Amino acid sequence: MLKPFRRPSWWVALWATAIAVTVGLSLSPPPPMPPVDGGDKIGHLVAYGALAAAAVQLFARWRGVLTAGIGLVLLGVGLEVAQGALTETRMADPMDALANTLGVLMGLATRCTPWRDLLLRLDARWR
């Protein structure tokens, strides 16, 4: 299911850590920031785009990539619900969930570019 990496468990662990950090940051109190109208949506888009692009780097077949993408969309929606239900310092925002989903779609689109195997090429160089 994964591409033929020399260190597949290392790359999967790194991706899982990035997902865990995303979960932690999503449920922790927000950092003090000046108010920027809709500025956090860009952060959601970039974060979920990066997670999905990483899935493209890891998984060899469309099935694995799409499964990861669906999982990331569900994670983004679930975290928005959790922010509203489980925290007092965050609130659920459907527009954040939309930004997460659009980020996932953008990240998955990297599968159609020459960069889809960038991590595989880098992994082969690190001996």
Protein backbone atom coordinates (compact mmCIF):
# COMPACT_ATOMS: atom_id res chain seq x y z
CA MET A 1 0.00 0.00 0.00
CA LEU A 2 2.93 2.34 0.67
CA LYS A 3 5.48 3.41 -1.88
CA PRO A 4 8.74 1.43 -1.74
CA PHE A 5 10.59 3.55 0.82
CA ARG A 6 13.78 2.48 2.51
CA ARG A 7 12.30 3.69 5.82
CA PRO A 8 8.51 3.38 5.47
CA SER A 9 7.75 3.24 9.18
CA TRP A 10 9.75 6.43 9.77
CA TRP A 11 7.76 8.37 7.16
CA VAL A 12 4.41 7.04 8.38
CA ALA A 13 5.37 7.91 11.97
CA LEU A 14 6.25 11.45 10.87
CA TRP A 15 2.88 11.81 9.11
CA ALA A 16 1.03 10.41 12.14
CA THR A 17 2.88 12.88 14.36
CA ALA A 18 1.79 15.76 12.12
CA ILE A 19 -1.82 14.56 12.41
CA ALA A 20 -1.49 14.28 16.21
CA VAL A 21 -0.07 17.82 16.40
CA THR A 22 -3.02 19.04 14.30
CA VAL A 23 -5.45 17.38 16.71
CA GLY A 24 -3.65 18.83 19.73
CA LEU A 25 -3.56 22.34 18.32
CA SER A 26 -7.20 22.13 17.28
CA LEU A 27 -8.37 21.27 20.79
CA SER A 28 -6.02 23.46 22.83
CA PRO A 29 -6.77 27.10 23.64
CA PRO A 30 -6.08 29.33 20.65
CA PRO A 31 -2.92 31.41 20.73
CA PRO A 32 -3.34 35.17 21.15
CA MET A 33 -3.54 36.64 17.67
CA PRO A 34 -4.75 39.92 16.28
CA PRO A 35 -8.17 39.51 14.68
CA VAL A 36 -7.94 38.99 10.93
CA ASP A 37 -11.24 38.47 9.18
CA GLY A 38 -11.13 34.91 7.81
CA GLY A 39 -7.35 34.68 8.22
CA ASP A 40 -7.55 31.42 10.13
CA LYS A 41 -9.19 29.78 7.11
CA ILE A 42 -5.90 30.02 5.23
CA GLY A 43 -4.21 28.20 8.10
CA HIS A 44 -6.82 25.43 7.92
CA LEU A 45 -6.42 25.19 4.14
CA VAL A 46 -2.62 24.98 4.33
CA ALA A 47 -2.52 22.53 7.25
CA TYR A 48 -4.95 20.04 5.74
CA GLY A 49 -3.44 20.54 2.29
CA ALA A 50 -0.04 19.61 3.69
CA LEU A 51 -1.43 16.53 5.45
CA ALA A 52 -3.15 15.36 2.26
CA ALA A 53 -0.09 16.09 0.10
CA ALA A 54 1.93 13.99 2.56
CA ALA A 55 -0.56 11.15 2.05
CA VAL A 56 0.07 11.42 -1.69
CA GLN A 57 3.78 11.09 -0.97
CA LEU A 58 3.24 7.99 1.18
CA PHE A 59 0.62 5.86 -0.56
CA ALA A 60 1.30 4.08 -3.84
CA ARG A 61 -2.26 3.63 -5.11
CA TRP A 62 -5.26 5.90 -5.48
CA ARG A 63 -7.21 3.75 -3.04
CA GLY A 64 -4.79 4.49 -0.23
CA VAL A 65 -4.61 8.17 -1.13
CA LEU A 66 -8.41 8.50 -1.27
CA THR A 67 -8.84 6.60 2.00
CA ALA A 68 -6.38 8.96 3.68
CA GLY A 69 -8.15 11.95 2.13
CA ILE A 70 -11.57 10.82 3.36
CA GLY A 71 -10.07 10.22 6.79
CA LEU A 72 -8.62 13.73 6.84
CA VAL A 73 -11.94 15.28 5.82
CA LEU A 74 -13.69 13.34 8.59
CA LEU A 75 -10.97 14.40 11.04
CA GLY A 76 -11.43 18.06 10.10
CA VAL A 77 -15.20 17.90 10.49
CA GLY A 78 -14.92 15.87 13.69
CA LEU A 79 -12.48 18.32 15.23
CA GLU A 80 -14.80 21.21 14.47
CA VAL A 81 -17.63 19.39 16.22
CA ALA A 82 -15.30 18.56 19.12
CA GLN A 83 -14.23 22.18 19.44
CA GLY A 84 -17.84 23.19 19.95
CA ALA A 85 -18.74 20.29 22.23
CA LEU A 86 -15.61 19.64 24.26
CA THR A 87 -13.84 22.96 24.70
CA GLU A 88 -14.75 26.27 26.25
CA THR A 89 -12.07 28.22 24.42
CA ARG A 90 -12.98 27.15 20.88
CA MET A 91 -16.15 27.09 18.84
CA ALA A 92 -17.30 24.95 15.95
CA ASP A 93 -17.12 26.77 12.63
CA PRO A 94 -18.52 25.14 9.48
CA MET A 95 -16.33 27.44 7.38
CA ASP A 96 -13.25 25.95 9.07
CA ALA A 97 -14.50 22.48 8.13
CA LEU A 98 -14.96 23.70 4.56
CA ALA A 99 -11.43 25.14 4.51
CA ASN A 100 -10.10 21.82 5.84
CA THR A 101 -11.94 19.94 3.10
CA LEU A 102 -10.71 22.27 0.36
CA GLY A 103 -7.18 21.88 1.72
CA VAL A 104 -7.51 18.10 1.53
CA LEU A 105 -8.71 18.34 -2.08
CA MET A 106 -5.79 20.60 -2.99
CA GLY A 107 -3.33 18.26 -1.29
CA LEU A 108 -4.79 15.23 -3.09
CA ALA A 109 -4.49 17.08 -6.40
CA THR A 110 -0.70 16.90 -6.04
CA ARG A 111 -1.13 13.24 -7.05
CA CYS A 112 -1.56 14.53 -10.61
CA THR A 113 1.75 16.42 -10.63
CA PRO A 114 5.36 15.39 -11.18
CA TRP A 115 5.98 16.08 -7.46
CA ARG A 116 3.92 13.05 -6.36
CA ASP A 117 7.10 11.00 -5.83
CA LEU A 118 9.32 13.70 -4.35
CA LEU A 119 9.60 11.97 -0.96
CA LEU A 120 10.38 8.65 -2.61
CA ARG A 121 13.27 10.25 -4.53
CA LEU A 122 14.56 11.97 -1.38
CA ASP A 123 14.31 8.75 0.61
CA ALA A 124 16.38 6.92 -2.01
CA ARG A 125 19.15 9.54 -1.74
CA TRP A 126 19.46 9.32 2.05
CA ARG A 127 21.50 6.21 2.60
